[in-house]
Structure formats: C-alpha cells, structure tokens
Amino acid sequence: MGVRIPVELKKGDRVVRTVALVNSGYETDEAEIHIPLALARKLGFALESIKSERYRVVGSEVTTYVLGTITVRVLTEDRSTGWVNARAVSVPGEYEVILSDALTEELGVVIVKPRSGLWRFVDEEKVRESEEPVYWVE
C-alpha cells in the first residue's frame, strides 16, 4: 500500500491540495519533491526551458527535470505543519507526488507501518491511515 499523506503545494499565489507518497528510499541531501508534469503546469511552472539532470535509481539512471522551488505542508483534518521550501523535480512517466526522505523529515512525518500505510507526526502518538493515491495524468 505505502504511506500517502495529504499535502498542500504552493507556488506564488497558486495552492493545490493533493496526496503525496512518502518514500524513504528517495534519498536527498535537501528537501525535494517529485511533481508530475500535469501538476507542475497547474502550479504555473514554466516548462519550456527547464533543465534536466541524471538521477541514479535502483540500478539505473533517469532523466529528471528540475522545476524550481515550491513550498509544501501537510494538512490533515485536525492539524497542519508549517510551510517547508523544497526543490521540485519531475520524472516523465511518474504520476504521483513523491516526498524525499529529507522533506519527509522536515515536515515531521514518521512512517509507522509502510505496508499497512500507517504514519504519524513526530510529536504525537496518534497513528494515522494513508490517503488514497492521486495520479496527475495529462
């Protein structure tokens, strides 16, 4: 199942509420978030002149587009985190919002049971259930 949490993404005056997959295997040195291209367009990223980088993933490499900076927060029915700045990237063919390990930690999210989809905030005992996945397909 995986752990998926409710998030808001903000770029300028545009805010989109969606669901993000928490991926502890998405290891980064700084807070980073994968945003599908369809969502990047909705948030107003200029995609005409984006640069790309090569990322090493599970025995292979992929082309990753570097979109820019975005702010992210977790927003549940009973609380929200503060806004966190993150580097936004996109891999063609990936349709979910995905949080890196560094961004997950900055947001104060702890995976309790990954297969069961259970998580909590670092400063609470309440265990929360995952959201249903949201796919951003053009």
Protein backbone atom coordinates (compact mmCIF):
# COMPACT_ATOMS: atom_id res chain seq x y z
CA MET A 1 0.00 0.00 0.00
CA GLY A 2 2.62 2.59 1.01
CA VAL A 3 2.19 5.72 3.09
CA ARG A 4 0.36 8.56 1.37
CA ILE A 5 -0.37 11.81 3.17
CA PRO A 6 -2.49 14.89 2.43
CA VAL A 7 -0.38 17.87 1.37
CA GLU A 8 -0.75 21.37 0.02
CA LEU A 9 1.70 22.69 -2.55
CA LYS A 10 2.16 26.41 -3.06
CA LYS A 11 3.91 28.30 -5.84
CA GLY A 12 3.32 32.03 -5.82
CA ASP A 13 -0.40 32.58 -5.33
CA ARG A 14 -1.38 29.10 -6.54
CA VAL A 15 -2.17 26.42 -3.95
CA VAL A 16 -3.11 22.84 -4.78
CA ARG A 17 -4.23 20.22 -2.31
CA THR A 18 -3.27 16.64 -3.21
CA VAL A 19 -1.81 13.43 -1.81
CA ALA A 20 1.89 12.57 -1.69
CA LEU A 21 3.66 9.24 -1.43
CA VAL A 22 6.21 9.17 1.41
CA ASN A 23 9.29 7.41 0.04
CA SER A 24 12.18 6.83 2.45
CA GLY A 25 14.13 5.31 -0.45
CA TYR A 26 14.05 8.67 -2.26
CA GLU A 27 17.24 9.88 -0.61
CA THR A 28 18.26 13.52 -0.97
CA ASP A 29 20.59 15.94 0.80
CA GLU A 30 17.99 18.70 0.73
CA ALA A 31 14.18 18.76 0.88
CA GLU A 32 12.95 17.61 -2.52
CA ILE A 33 9.58 16.73 -4.00
CA HIS A 34 8.65 14.95 -7.22
CA ILE A 35 5.78 16.70 -9.00
CA PRO A 36 4.18 15.16 -12.11
CA LEU A 37 4.27 17.41 -15.17
CA ALA A 38 0.46 17.81 -15.24
CA LEU A 39 0.55 19.20 -11.69
CA ALA A 40 3.60 21.33 -12.48
CA ARG A 41 1.59 23.01 -15.24
CA LYS A 42 -1.34 23.62 -12.88
CA LEU A 43 1.03 25.23 -10.36
CA GLY A 44 2.38 27.54 -13.06
CA PHE A 45 5.88 26.19 -13.61
CA ALA A 46 7.35 27.33 -16.94
CA LEU A 47 8.17 24.02 -18.63
CA GLU A 48 9.52 25.35 -21.92
CA SER A 49 13.09 25.93 -20.74
CA ILE A 50 13.55 23.55 -17.83
CA LYS A 51 16.93 21.92 -17.34
CA SER A 52 17.45 18.25 -16.69
CA GLU A 53 19.76 16.14 -14.55
CA ARG A 54 20.53 12.44 -14.46
CA TYR A 55 19.38 10.65 -11.29
CA ARG A 56 20.61 7.25 -10.22
CA VAL A 57 17.72 4.98 -9.18
CA VAL A 58 17.63 1.29 -8.32
CA GLY A 59 20.32 0.09 -10.72
CA SER A 60 19.56 2.56 -13.47
CA GLU A 61 19.53 6.25 -14.36
CA VAL A 62 16.61 8.50 -15.31
CA THR A 63 16.32 11.97 -16.75
CA THR A 64 14.88 14.33 -14.15
CA TYR A 65 13.58 17.82 -14.90
CA VAL A 66 14.46 20.48 -12.34
CA LEU A 67 11.37 22.68 -11.95
CA GLY A 68 12.43 25.12 -9.23
CA THR A 69 11.34 25.81 -5.67
CA ILE A 70 7.95 25.19 -4.10
CA THR A 71 6.55 25.28 -0.58
CA VAL A 72 4.87 22.23 0.95
CA ARG A 73 2.88 21.47 4.08
CA VAL A 74 0.95 18.53 5.46
CA LEU A 75 -2.73 19.34 6.00
CA THR A 76 -4.89 16.78 7.82
CA GLU A 77 -8.44 17.13 9.18
CA ASP A 78 -7.11 18.20 12.59
CA ARG A 79 -3.75 19.92 12.04
CA SER A 80 -1.23 21.31 9.61
CA THR A 81 2.52 21.70 9.57
CA GLY A 82 4.36 24.86 8.72
CA TRP A 83 5.33 25.54 5.13
CA VAL A 84 8.65 23.98 4.06
CA ASN A 85 10.65 25.02 1.00
CA ALA A 86 11.55 22.17 -1.32
CA ARG A 87 13.32 21.64 -4.61
CA ALA A 88 10.73 20.49 -7.16
CA VAL A 89 11.66 17.94 -9.81
CA SER A 90 9.77 15.78 -12.29
CA VAL A 91 10.46 12.44 -13.96
CA PRO A 92 8.46 11.83 -17.15
CA GLY A 93 6.10 8.89 -16.72
CA GLU A 94 5.74 9.21 -12.93
CA TYR A 95 2.25 10.43 -12.00
CA GLU A 96 2.31 10.70 -8.20
CA VAL A 97 3.63 13.44 -5.95
CA ILE A 98 6.53 11.87 -4.02
CA LEU A 99 8.30 13.22 -0.93
CA SER A 100 12.02 12.66 -0.42
CA ASP A 101 13.39 11.42 2.88
CA ALA A 102 14.75 14.90 3.69
CA LEU A 103 11.41 16.63 3.01
CA THR A 104 9.51 13.96 4.96
CA GLU A 105 11.74 14.59 7.96
CA GLU A 106 11.42 18.38 7.70
CA LEU A 107 7.63 18.00 7.65
CA GLY A 108 7.79 15.94 10.84
CA VAL A 109 6.26 12.80 9.34
CA VAL A 110 7.13 9.34 10.68
CA ILE A 111 6.32 6.10 8.88
CA VAL A 112 4.88 3.63 11.41
CA LYS A 113 3.98 0.66 9.19
CA PRO A 114 4.83 1.17 5.49
CA ARG A 115 2.93 -1.81 4.05
CA SER A 116 -0.14 -1.05 6.14
CA GLY A 117 0.02 2.64 5.23
CA LEU A 118 0.23 3.90 8.82
CA TRP A 119 2.03 7.09 9.81
CA ARG A 120 2.11 9.82 12.46
CA PHE A 121 3.58 13.20 13.19
CA VAL A 122 6.87 13.06 15.09
CA ASP A 123 5.42 14.93 18.08
CA GLU A 124 2.29 12.82 18.59
CA GLU A 125 1.25 9.27 19.38
CA LYS A 126 -1.87 9.28 17.18
CA VAL A 127 -1.41 6.83 14.30
CA ARG A 128 -2.97 7.93 11.01
CA GLU A 129 -4.07 5.98 7.95
CA SER A 130 -2.91 6.63 4.40
CA GLU A 131 -4.93 8.53 1.87
CA GLU A 132 -5.96 7.02 -1.45
CA PRO A 133 -3.42 7.70 -4.22
CA VAL A 134 -3.92 10.67 -6.55
CA TYR A 135 -2.49 10.40 -10.06
CA TRP A 136 -1.75 13.52 -12.11
CA VAL A 137 -2.12 12.35 -15.71
CA GLU A 138 -2.42 14.75 -18.61
